[in-house]
N, C-alpha and C. Protein backbone atom coordinates (compact mmCIF):
# COMPACT_ATOMS: atom_id res chain seq x y z
N MET A 1 -67.07 56.80 78.62
CA MET A 1 -68.36 56.59 77.99
C MET A 1 -68.19 56.06 76.56
N ARG A 2 -67.14 56.58 75.86
CA ARG A 2 -66.88 56.06 74.52
C ARG A 2 -66.54 54.58 74.57
N LEU A 3 -65.76 54.21 75.57
CA LEU A 3 -65.40 52.79 75.71
C LEU A 3 -66.64 51.96 76.02
N GLU A 4 -67.52 52.49 76.86
CA GLU A 4 -68.75 51.76 77.20
C GLU A 4 -69.62 51.61 75.96
N ALA A 5 -69.74 52.68 75.16
CA ALA A 5 -70.54 52.62 73.92
C ALA A 5 -69.90 51.65 72.94
N GLU A 6 -68.56 51.69 72.83
CA GLU A 6 -67.85 50.75 71.93
C GLU A 6 -68.06 49.31 72.40
N LYS A 7 -68.04 49.11 73.74
CA LYS A 7 -68.25 47.77 74.31
C LYS A 7 -69.65 47.28 73.97
N ARG A 8 -70.67 48.15 74.09
CA ARG A 8 -72.05 47.75 73.75
C ARG A 8 -72.17 47.42 72.27
N ARG A 9 -71.53 48.22 71.44
CA ARG A 9 -71.58 47.98 70.00
C ARG A 9 -70.94 46.62 69.66
N ILE A 10 -69.84 46.33 70.29
CA ILE A 10 -69.15 45.06 70.06
C ILE A 10 -70.00 43.90 70.56
N GLU A 11 -70.61 44.07 71.75
CA GLU A 11 -71.47 43.01 72.28
C GLU A 11 -72.67 42.77 71.37
N ASP A 12 -73.27 43.85 70.83
CA ASP A 12 -74.40 43.71 69.89
C ASP A 12 -73.96 42.98 68.62
N ALA A 13 -72.76 43.32 68.16
CA ALA A 13 -72.24 42.67 66.95
C ALA A 13 -72.00 41.19 67.22
N LEU A 14 -71.45 40.88 68.41
CA LEU A 14 -71.23 39.47 68.76
C LEU A 14 -72.55 38.71 68.84
N GLU A 15 -73.54 39.32 69.44
CA GLU A 15 -74.85 38.68 69.56
C GLU A 15 -75.46 38.44 68.17
N ALA A 16 -75.34 39.43 67.28
CA ALA A 16 -75.86 39.28 65.91
C ALA A 16 -75.12 38.17 65.19
N GLU A 17 -73.80 38.09 65.40
CA GLU A 17 -73.00 37.02 64.75
C GLU A 17 -73.42 35.66 65.27
N ARG A 18 -73.68 35.55 66.60
CA ARG A 18 -74.13 34.26 67.16
C ARG A 18 -75.49 33.87 66.58
N ASN A 19 -76.40 34.83 66.52
CA ASN A 19 -77.73 34.55 65.93
C ASN A 19 -77.61 34.13 64.48
N LEU A 20 -76.72 34.79 63.76
CA LEU A 20 -76.49 34.45 62.35
C LEU A 20 -75.96 33.02 62.23
N ALA A 21 -75.04 32.63 63.11
CA ALA A 21 -74.48 31.27 63.08
C ALA A 21 -75.56 30.24 63.39
N VAL A 22 -76.43 30.54 64.37
CA VAL A 22 -77.52 29.62 64.72
C VAL A 22 -78.46 29.47 63.53
N ASP A 23 -78.83 30.59 62.90
CA ASP A 23 -79.71 30.54 61.71
C ASP A 23 -79.05 29.75 60.59
N LYS A 24 -77.76 29.97 60.43
CA LYS A 24 -77.02 29.26 59.36
C LYS A 24 -77.04 27.75 59.61
N ASP A 25 -76.79 27.34 60.87
CA ASP A 25 -76.80 25.92 61.20
C ASP A 25 -78.18 25.31 60.98
N ALA A 26 -79.23 26.02 61.37
CA ALA A 26 -80.60 25.52 61.18
C ALA A 26 -80.91 25.38 59.69
N LEU A 27 -80.51 26.36 58.91
CA LEU A 27 -80.74 26.30 57.46
C LEU A 27 -79.98 25.15 56.83
N LEU A 28 -78.75 24.94 57.26
CA LEU A 28 -77.95 23.83 56.73
C LEU A 28 -78.57 22.49 57.10
N GLU A 29 -79.05 22.35 58.31
CA GLU A 29 -79.69 21.11 58.75
C GLU A 29 -80.95 20.83 57.93
N ARG A 30 -81.78 21.86 57.70
CA ARG A 30 -83.00 21.68 56.88
C ARG A 30 -82.63 21.29 55.46
N SER A 31 -81.58 21.91 54.94
CA SER A 31 -81.15 21.59 53.57
C SER A 31 -80.70 20.15 53.47
N LYS A 32 -79.93 19.68 54.45
CA LYS A 32 -79.47 18.28 54.42
C LYS A 32 -80.65 17.32 54.54
N LYS A 33 -81.59 17.65 55.41
CA LYS A 33 -82.76 16.79 55.59
C LYS A 33 -83.58 16.73 54.30
N ARG A 34 -83.76 17.85 53.66
CA ARG A 34 -84.53 17.90 52.41
C ARG A 34 -83.80 17.14 51.30
N GLU A 35 -82.48 17.27 51.29
CA GLU A 35 -81.68 16.55 50.28
C GLU A 35 -81.86 15.04 50.46
N LEU A 36 -81.85 14.54 51.70
CA LEU A 36 -82.06 13.12 51.96
C LEU A 36 -83.45 12.68 51.49
N GLU A 37 -84.46 13.51 51.79
CA GLU A 37 -85.83 13.18 51.34
C GLU A 37 -85.90 13.09 49.83
N LEU A 38 -85.27 14.04 49.16
CA LEU A 38 -85.29 14.05 47.70
C LEU A 38 -84.56 12.84 47.13
N GLU A 39 -83.44 12.47 47.73
CA GLU A 39 -82.71 11.29 47.27
C GLU A 39 -83.56 10.03 47.44
N GLU A 40 -84.31 9.93 48.56
CA GLU A 40 -85.18 8.77 48.77
C GLU A 40 -86.28 8.73 47.72
N GLU A 41 -86.84 9.89 47.37
CA GLU A 41 -87.88 9.92 46.33
C GLU A 41 -87.32 9.47 44.99
N VAL A 42 -86.14 9.94 44.66
CA VAL A 42 -85.51 9.55 43.39
C VAL A 42 -85.27 8.04 43.38
N ALA A 43 -84.79 7.49 44.50
CA ALA A 43 -84.54 6.04 44.58
C ALA A 43 -85.84 5.26 44.40
N ALA A 44 -86.92 5.73 45.02
CA ALA A 44 -88.22 5.05 44.88
C ALA A 44 -88.70 5.10 43.43
N LEU A 45 -88.57 6.24 42.79
CA LEU A 45 -88.98 6.36 41.39
C LEU A 45 -88.13 5.47 40.49
N GLN A 46 -86.84 5.36 40.80
CA GLN A 46 -85.98 4.47 39.99
C GLN A 46 -86.42 3.02 40.16
N GLY A 47 -86.80 2.64 41.38
CA GLY A 47 -87.30 1.28 41.62
C GLY A 47 -88.56 1.00 40.81
N ASP A 48 -89.48 1.99 40.78
CA ASP A 48 -90.70 1.84 39.97
C ASP A 48 -90.36 1.69 38.50
N LEU A 49 -89.42 2.46 38.05
CA LEU A 49 -89.01 2.40 36.64
C LEU A 49 -88.40 1.04 36.32
N ASP A 50 -87.57 0.52 37.22
CA ASP A 50 -86.98 -0.80 37.00
C ASP A 50 -88.06 -1.88 36.94
N THR A 51 -89.05 -1.79 37.82
CA THR A 51 -90.15 -2.76 37.83
C THR A 51 -90.90 -2.71 36.50
N LEU A 52 -91.21 -1.52 36.04
CA LEU A 52 -91.94 -1.40 34.77
C LEU A 52 -91.10 -1.89 33.60
N ASP A 53 -89.80 -1.64 33.66
CA ASP A 53 -88.92 -2.15 32.59
C ASP A 53 -88.97 -3.67 32.55
N SER A 54 -88.91 -4.32 33.72
CA SER A 54 -88.93 -5.79 33.73
C SER A 54 -90.28 -6.30 33.25
N GLN A 55 -91.38 -5.62 33.62
CA GLN A 55 -92.70 -6.02 33.13
C GLN A 55 -92.78 -5.87 31.62
N LEU A 56 -92.23 -4.80 31.11
CA LEU A 56 -92.23 -4.58 29.67
C LEU A 56 -91.42 -5.66 28.96
N ASP A 57 -90.28 -6.01 29.53
CA ASP A 57 -89.46 -7.07 28.93
C ASP A 57 -90.22 -8.39 28.90
N ARG A 58 -90.91 -8.71 29.99
CA ARG A 58 -91.70 -9.95 30.02
C ARG A 58 -92.82 -9.91 28.99
N ALA A 59 -93.49 -8.78 28.86
CA ALA A 59 -94.58 -8.67 27.89
C ALA A 59 -94.05 -8.81 26.46
N LEU A 60 -92.90 -8.21 26.19
CA LEU A 60 -92.30 -8.33 24.86
C LEU A 60 -91.89 -9.77 24.58
N LYS A 61 -91.36 -10.44 25.59
CA LYS A 61 -90.97 -11.84 25.42
C LYS A 61 -92.20 -12.70 25.13
N MET A 62 -93.28 -12.46 25.88
CA MET A 62 -94.51 -13.22 25.65
C MET A 62 -95.06 -12.95 24.25
N GLN A 63 -94.97 -11.69 23.81
CA GLN A 63 -95.45 -11.38 22.47
C GLN A 63 -94.62 -12.10 21.42
N ARG A 64 -93.30 -12.11 21.59
CA ARG A 64 -92.44 -12.82 20.62
C ARG A 64 -92.77 -14.31 20.60
N GLU A 65 -92.96 -14.90 21.78
CA GLU A 65 -93.31 -16.32 21.84
C GLU A 65 -94.64 -16.57 21.14
N GLY A 66 -95.60 -15.68 21.36
CA GLY A 66 -96.90 -15.81 20.70
C GLY A 66 -96.77 -15.71 19.19
N GLU A 67 -95.94 -14.78 18.74
CA GLU A 67 -95.74 -14.64 17.30
C GLU A 67 -95.03 -15.86 16.71
N ASP A 68 -94.07 -16.42 17.48
CA ASP A 68 -93.40 -17.63 17.01
C ASP A 68 -94.39 -18.79 16.89
N LYS A 69 -95.23 -18.93 17.90
CA LYS A 69 -96.25 -20.00 17.85
C LYS A 69 -97.19 -19.78 16.68
N HIS A 70 -97.57 -18.53 16.50
CA HIS A 70 -98.49 -18.21 15.40
C HIS A 70 -97.84 -18.58 14.06
N GLU A 71 -96.57 -18.25 13.90
CA GLU A 71 -95.86 -18.56 12.66
C GLU A 71 -95.78 -20.08 12.45
N ALA A 72 -95.48 -20.82 13.52
CA ALA A 72 -95.41 -22.28 13.41
C ALA A 72 -96.75 -22.86 13.02
N LEU A 73 -97.81 -22.35 13.63
CA LEU A 73 -99.16 -22.84 13.29
C LEU A 73 -99.54 -22.45 11.87
N ARG A 74 -99.13 -21.26 11.45
CA ARG A 74 -99.42 -20.86 10.08
C ARG A 74 -98.73 -21.79 9.09
N GLN A 75 -97.47 -22.10 9.39
CA GLN A 75 -96.74 -23.02 8.52
C GLN A 75 -97.40 -24.39 8.51
N ALA A 76 -97.80 -24.85 9.70
CA ALA A 76 -98.48 -26.15 9.77
C ALA A 76 -99.79 -26.10 8.99
N PHE A 77 -100.50 -24.97 9.07
CA PHE A 77 -101.73 -24.83 8.33
C PHE A 77 -101.46 -24.85 6.82
N ASP A 78 -100.42 -24.12 6.40
CA ASP A 78 -100.06 -24.12 4.98
C ASP A 78 -99.71 -25.53 4.51
N GLU A 79 -98.95 -26.24 5.34
CA GLU A 79 -98.61 -27.61 4.98
C GLU A 79 -99.85 -28.48 4.89
N ALA A 80 -100.77 -28.31 5.82
CA ALA A 80 -102.01 -29.09 5.78
C ALA A 80 -102.82 -28.75 4.53
N ALA A 81 -102.84 -27.48 4.16
CA ALA A 81 -103.57 -27.07 2.96
C ALA A 81 -102.93 -27.69 1.71
N GLU A 82 -101.59 -27.69 1.67
CA GLU A 82 -100.90 -28.31 0.54
C GLU A 82 -101.18 -29.81 0.48
N HIS A 83 -101.22 -30.42 1.65
CA HIS A 83 -101.53 -31.85 1.73
C HIS A 83 -102.93 -32.12 1.19
N LEU A 84 -103.86 -31.26 1.53
CA LEU A 84 -105.24 -31.42 1.07
C LEU A 84 -105.31 -31.31 -0.45
N VAL A 85 -104.62 -30.34 -1.01
CA VAL A 85 -104.60 -30.18 -2.47
C VAL A 85 -104.01 -31.43 -3.13
N ARG A 86 -102.92 -31.92 -2.55
CA ARG A 86 -102.29 -33.12 -3.09
C ARG A 86 -103.25 -34.31 -3.03
N LEU A 87 -103.96 -34.41 -1.92
CA LEU A 87 -104.92 -35.51 -1.79
C LEU A 87 -106.04 -35.40 -2.83
N GLU A 88 -106.49 -34.19 -3.11
CA GLU A 88 -107.53 -34.02 -4.11
C GLU A 88 -107.01 -34.41 -5.50
N GLY A 89 -105.75 -34.08 -5.79
CA GLY A 89 -105.14 -34.49 -7.06
C GLY A 89 -105.05 -36.01 -7.18
N GLU A 90 -104.65 -36.64 -6.08
CA GLU A 90 -104.56 -38.09 -6.08
C GLU A 90 -105.93 -38.73 -6.25
N GLN A 91 -106.95 -38.06 -5.73
CA GLN A 91 -108.30 -38.60 -5.85
C GLN A 91 -108.70 -38.70 -7.32
N ARG A 92 -108.37 -37.68 -8.11
CA ARG A 92 -108.68 -37.73 -9.53
C ARG A 92 -107.88 -38.82 -10.22
N LYS A 93 -106.63 -39.01 -9.81
CA LYS A 93 -105.77 -40.01 -10.43
C LYS A 93 -106.15 -41.43 -10.03
N TRP A 94 -106.47 -41.58 -8.77
CA TRP A 94 -106.70 -42.94 -8.27
C TRP A 94 -108.12 -43.09 -7.73
N ALA A 95 -109.00 -43.32 -8.57
CA ALA A 95 -110.41 -43.47 -8.19
C ALA A 95 -110.59 -44.66 -7.26
N ARG A 96 -109.79 -45.72 -7.48
CA ARG A 96 -109.95 -46.92 -6.64
C ARG A 96 -109.55 -46.67 -5.19
N ARG A 97 -108.76 -45.59 -4.90
CA ARG A 97 -108.36 -45.33 -3.53
C ARG A 97 -109.21 -44.22 -2.91
N GLU A 98 -110.37 -43.98 -3.49
CA GLU A 98 -111.23 -42.88 -3.06
C GLU A 98 -111.61 -42.97 -1.58
N GLU A 99 -111.95 -44.16 -1.13
CA GLU A 99 -112.38 -44.29 0.26
C GLU A 99 -111.25 -43.92 1.23
N ASP A 100 -110.05 -44.40 0.90
CA ASP A 100 -108.89 -44.08 1.75
C ASP A 100 -108.61 -42.58 1.78
N ILE A 101 -108.70 -41.97 0.59
CA ILE A 101 -108.44 -40.53 0.51
C ILE A 101 -109.50 -39.74 1.27
N LEU A 102 -110.76 -40.17 1.21
CA LEU A 102 -111.83 -39.48 1.94
C LEU A 102 -111.57 -39.51 3.45
N LYS A 103 -111.03 -40.64 3.92
CA LYS A 103 -110.70 -40.73 5.35
C LYS A 103 -109.58 -39.73 5.71
N ARG A 104 -108.60 -39.67 4.82
CA ARG A 104 -107.49 -38.74 5.07
C ARG A 104 -107.98 -37.28 5.03
N MET A 105 -108.88 -37.02 4.10
CA MET A 105 -109.42 -35.65 4.02
C MET A 105 -110.20 -35.29 5.27
N ALA A 106 -110.98 -36.25 5.79
CA ALA A 106 -111.73 -35.98 7.01
C ALA A 106 -110.78 -35.66 8.16
N SER A 107 -109.69 -36.45 8.23
CA SER A 107 -108.69 -36.20 9.27
C SER A 107 -108.03 -34.83 9.08
N THR A 108 -107.72 -34.55 7.82
CA THR A 108 -107.09 -33.26 7.52
C THR A 108 -108.03 -32.11 7.83
N ASP A 109 -109.32 -32.29 7.55
CA ASP A 109 -110.30 -31.24 7.87
C ASP A 109 -110.35 -30.97 9.37
N ARG A 110 -110.33 -32.05 10.13
CA ARG A 110 -110.32 -31.86 11.59
C ARG A 110 -109.06 -31.11 12.02
N ASP A 111 -107.94 -31.53 11.43
CA ASP A 111 -106.68 -30.84 11.75
C ASP A 111 -106.75 -29.37 11.34
N GLN A 112 -107.33 -29.13 10.17
CA GLN A 112 -107.43 -27.76 9.68
C GLN A 112 -108.33 -26.93 10.59
N ASP A 113 -109.46 -27.52 11.00
CA ASP A 113 -110.35 -26.80 11.93
C ASP A 113 -109.64 -26.50 13.25
N GLU A 114 -108.90 -27.49 13.73
CA GLU A 114 -108.15 -27.29 14.97
C GLU A 114 -107.10 -26.19 14.78
N LEU A 115 -106.44 -26.22 13.63
CA LEU A 115 -105.44 -25.19 13.35
C LEU A 115 -106.09 -23.81 13.23
N HIS A 116 -107.28 -23.77 12.61
CA HIS A 116 -108.01 -22.49 12.53
C HIS A 116 -108.33 -21.98 13.93
N ARG A 117 -108.83 -22.90 14.76
CA ARG A 117 -109.17 -22.49 16.13
C ARG A 117 -107.92 -22.01 16.88
N GLU A 118 -106.83 -22.76 16.74
CA GLU A 118 -105.59 -22.37 17.40
C GLU A 118 -105.07 -21.04 16.85
N ARG A 119 -105.19 -20.88 15.52
CA ARG A 119 -104.75 -19.61 14.92
C ARG A 119 -105.60 -18.45 15.45
N ASP A 120 -106.92 -18.68 15.51
CA ASP A 120 -107.80 -17.62 16.04
C ASP A 120 -107.46 -17.31 17.49
N ASP A 121 -107.21 -18.37 18.27
CA ASP A 121 -106.84 -18.17 19.68
C ASP A 121 -105.53 -17.39 19.78
N LEU A 122 -104.58 -17.77 18.93
CA LEU A 122 -103.28 -17.07 18.96
C LEU A 122 -103.42 -15.62 18.49
N GLN A 123 -104.29 -15.39 17.52
CA GLN A 123 -104.51 -14.01 17.08
C GLN A 123 -105.13 -13.19 18.20
N GLU A 124 -106.08 -13.79 18.91
CA GLU A 124 -106.67 -13.07 20.05
C GLU A 124 -105.61 -12.81 21.13
N GLU A 125 -104.78 -13.81 21.39
CA GLU A 125 -103.72 -13.66 22.39
C GLU A 125 -102.72 -12.58 21.96
N ALA A 126 -102.37 -12.59 20.66
CA ALA A 126 -101.44 -11.57 20.17
C ALA A 126 -102.04 -10.18 20.29
N THR A 127 -103.34 -10.07 19.99
CA THR A 127 -104.02 -8.78 20.13
C THR A 127 -104.01 -8.32 21.58
N GLU A 128 -104.28 -9.25 22.49
CA GLU A 128 -104.28 -8.91 23.91
C GLU A 128 -102.88 -8.50 24.36
N LEU A 129 -101.86 -9.23 23.89
CA LEU A 129 -100.49 -8.89 24.25
C LEU A 129 -100.10 -7.51 23.72
N ARG A 130 -100.54 -7.21 22.50
CA ARG A 130 -100.25 -5.87 21.94
C ARG A 130 -100.94 -4.79 22.77
N ARG A 131 -102.16 -5.07 23.18
CA ARG A 131 -102.89 -4.10 24.00
C ARG A 131 -102.19 -3.89 25.33
N GLN A 132 -101.76 -5.01 25.96
CA GLN A 132 -101.05 -4.90 27.22
C GLN A 132 -99.73 -4.16 27.04
N LEU A 133 -99.06 -4.44 25.94
CA LEU A 133 -97.80 -3.76 25.67
C LEU A 133 -98.02 -2.26 25.50
N ALA A 134 -99.07 -1.91 24.76
CA ALA A 134 -99.36 -0.49 24.57
C ALA A 134 -99.69 0.17 25.91
N GLN A 135 -100.45 -0.55 26.73
CA GLN A 135 -100.81 -0.01 28.05
C GLN A 135 -99.55 0.16 28.91
N ARG A 136 -98.67 -0.80 28.86
CA ARG A 136 -97.44 -0.70 29.65
C ARG A 136 -96.55 0.43 29.12
N ASP A 137 -96.56 0.59 27.80
CA ASP A 137 -95.79 1.71 27.22
C ASP A 137 -96.35 3.03 27.74
N GLU A 138 -97.69 3.12 27.79
CA GLU A 138 -98.30 4.36 28.29
C GLU A 138 -97.95 4.56 29.76
N ASP A 139 -98.04 3.46 30.54
CA ASP A 139 -97.69 3.56 31.97
C ASP A 139 -96.25 3.99 32.15
N LEU A 140 -95.36 3.39 31.36
CA LEU A 140 -93.95 3.74 31.44
C LEU A 140 -93.73 5.20 31.07
N ALA A 141 -94.42 5.66 30.02
CA ALA A 141 -94.28 7.06 29.60
C ALA A 141 -94.76 8.00 30.72
N ARG A 142 -95.90 7.63 31.35
CA ARG A 142 -96.41 8.47 32.44
C ARG A 142 -95.43 8.50 33.62
N ILE A 143 -94.87 7.35 33.96
CA ILE A 143 -93.94 7.30 35.08
C ILE A 143 -92.69 8.09 34.76
N LYS A 144 -92.18 7.93 33.52
CA LYS A 144 -91.00 8.70 33.12
C LYS A 144 -91.30 10.19 33.19
N GLU A 145 -92.49 10.57 32.73
CA GLU A 145 -92.85 11.98 32.74
C GLU A 145 -92.93 12.49 34.18
N ARG A 146 -93.55 11.69 35.07
CA ARG A 146 -93.63 12.07 36.47
C ARG A 146 -92.24 12.17 37.09
N MET A 147 -91.38 11.20 36.77
CA MET A 147 -90.04 11.21 37.33
C MET A 147 -89.28 12.43 36.83
N GLU A 148 -89.39 12.73 35.53
CA GLU A 148 -88.69 13.89 35.00
C GLU A 148 -89.23 15.18 35.63
N SER A 149 -90.55 15.23 35.83
CA SER A 149 -91.14 16.40 36.45
C SER A 149 -90.63 16.55 37.89
N THR A 150 -90.60 15.44 38.62
CA THR A 150 -90.13 15.47 40.00
C THR A 150 -88.66 15.86 40.07
N VAL A 151 -87.86 15.28 39.18
CA VAL A 151 -86.44 15.62 39.16
C VAL A 151 -86.26 17.09 38.84
N SER A 152 -87.05 17.60 37.89
CA SER A 152 -86.96 19.02 37.53
C SER A 152 -87.34 19.89 38.73
N GLU A 153 -88.43 19.52 39.42
CA GLU A 153 -88.84 20.28 40.60
C GLU A 153 -87.75 20.23 41.67
N LEU A 154 -87.18 19.05 41.85
CA LEU A 154 -86.14 18.91 42.86
C LEU A 154 -84.91 19.74 42.50
N ASP A 155 -84.58 19.75 41.20
CA ASP A 155 -83.45 20.58 40.76
C ASP A 155 -83.71 22.05 41.06
N VAL A 156 -84.94 22.51 40.76
CA VAL A 156 -85.29 23.91 41.01
C VAL A 156 -85.20 24.22 42.51
N LYS A 157 -85.74 23.31 43.34
CA LYS A 157 -85.70 23.53 44.78
C LYS A 157 -84.27 23.54 45.29
N LEU A 158 -83.47 22.59 44.82
CA LEU A 158 -82.08 22.53 45.25
C LEU A 158 -81.33 23.79 44.81
N HIS A 159 -81.59 24.23 43.59
CA HIS A 159 -80.94 25.44 43.08
C HIS A 159 -81.31 26.64 43.94
N SER A 160 -82.61 26.77 44.27
CA SER A 160 -83.03 27.92 45.07
C SER A 160 -82.44 27.85 46.48
N GLU A 161 -82.33 26.65 47.06
CA GLU A 161 -81.75 26.52 48.38
C GLU A 161 -80.25 26.84 48.35
N VAL A 162 -79.59 26.38 47.29
CA VAL A 162 -78.16 26.69 47.16
C VAL A 162 -77.95 28.19 47.00
N GLN A 163 -78.81 28.83 46.18
CA GLN A 163 -78.68 30.28 46.01
C GLN A 163 -78.94 31.01 47.33
N ALA A 164 -79.94 30.54 48.07
CA ALA A 164 -80.23 31.16 49.36
C ALA A 164 -79.05 31.03 50.31
N GLN A 165 -78.41 29.86 50.30
CA GLN A 165 -77.25 29.67 51.15
C GLN A 165 -76.10 30.56 50.69
N CYS A 166 -75.94 30.69 49.37
CA CYS A 166 -74.87 31.54 48.84
C CYS A 166 -75.10 33.00 49.26
N VAL A 167 -76.34 33.46 49.14
CA VAL A 167 -76.66 34.83 49.53
C VAL A 167 -76.40 35.00 51.03
N PHE A 168 -76.81 34.01 51.80
CA PHE A 168 -76.61 34.05 53.24
C PHE A 168 -75.12 34.12 53.56
N LEU A 169 -74.34 33.27 52.89
CA LEU A 169 -72.91 33.25 53.15
C LEU A 169 -72.24 34.55 52.69
N ARG A 170 -72.67 35.12 51.56
CA ARG A 170 -72.12 36.39 51.10
C ARG A 170 -72.41 37.51 52.09
N MET A 171 -73.64 37.52 52.62
CA MET A 171 -74.00 38.55 53.60
C MET A 171 -73.14 38.39 54.85
N SER A 172 -72.92 37.16 55.24
CA SER A 172 -72.10 36.90 56.42
C SER A 172 -70.67 37.38 56.17
N TRP A 173 -70.14 37.13 55.01
CA TRP A 173 -68.79 37.55 54.66
C TRP A 173 -68.70 39.08 54.62
N TYR A 174 -69.70 39.72 54.05
CA TYR A 174 -69.71 41.19 53.97
C TYR A 174 -69.73 41.80 55.37
N CYS A 175 -70.54 41.27 56.27
CA CYS A 175 -70.62 41.78 57.64
C CYS A 175 -69.25 41.65 58.32
N ASN A 176 -68.57 40.54 58.10
CA ASN A 176 -67.26 40.33 58.72
C ASN A 176 -66.25 41.33 58.15
N ARG A 177 -66.35 41.67 56.87
CA ARG A 177 -65.40 42.58 56.23
C ARG A 177 -65.64 44.02 56.66
N SER A 178 -66.85 44.37 57.09
CA SER A 178 -67.13 45.77 57.41
C SER A 178 -66.62 46.15 58.82
N TYR A 179 -66.30 45.20 59.66
CA TYR A 179 -65.76 45.51 60.97
C TYR A 179 -64.24 45.53 60.91
N PRO A 180 -63.61 46.39 61.69
CA PRO A 180 -62.14 46.50 61.65
C PRO A 180 -61.47 45.31 62.30
N PHE A 181 -62.22 44.43 62.94
CA PHE A 181 -61.62 43.27 63.60
C PHE A 181 -62.47 42.05 63.28
N ARG A 182 -61.92 40.88 63.46
CA ARG A 182 -62.65 39.63 63.17
C ARG A 182 -63.39 39.20 64.41
N ILE A 183 -64.63 38.77 64.19
CA ILE A 183 -65.42 38.26 65.31
C ILE A 183 -65.38 36.75 65.25
N LEU A 184 -64.97 36.11 66.30
CA LEU A 184 -64.86 34.64 66.31
C LEU A 184 -66.09 34.03 66.90
């Protein structure tokens, strides 16, 4: 009867060990599947970040080009203004060339008006580019914040799953150590 009771106890222990192994395999499979899902999410977020970085680079390049154009037009405007002053000085000196100078002034005025319009257009464009840049900076900050939050959540989940597996493995090791023989 002792042998029969010992046999039942051993069979129960074997059955518990088999169930433990099945649970362990299922837990490991879920962990691997979750890890793959998390890696895919991180890859997708990195792709979004790369896209926003390239958009930001393009916006910055456009802003620099706009500023360069604005500077060139400002210089052209300054030159036109200096030309106008010079023409007015010549008008006082050379009264006989007044008609010619008036024609040049009319041309210069048209150029100046065109430069003013172009400067105003460039200022509006620069303002719009700055607004777009600020908006993209905000978008980038939000995406970075979301990515950091997701990564943090994923780290916490991974840590808890690893701890659960460690506890599971420790319990399994303790059960094996408490029996006088090894169960295969």
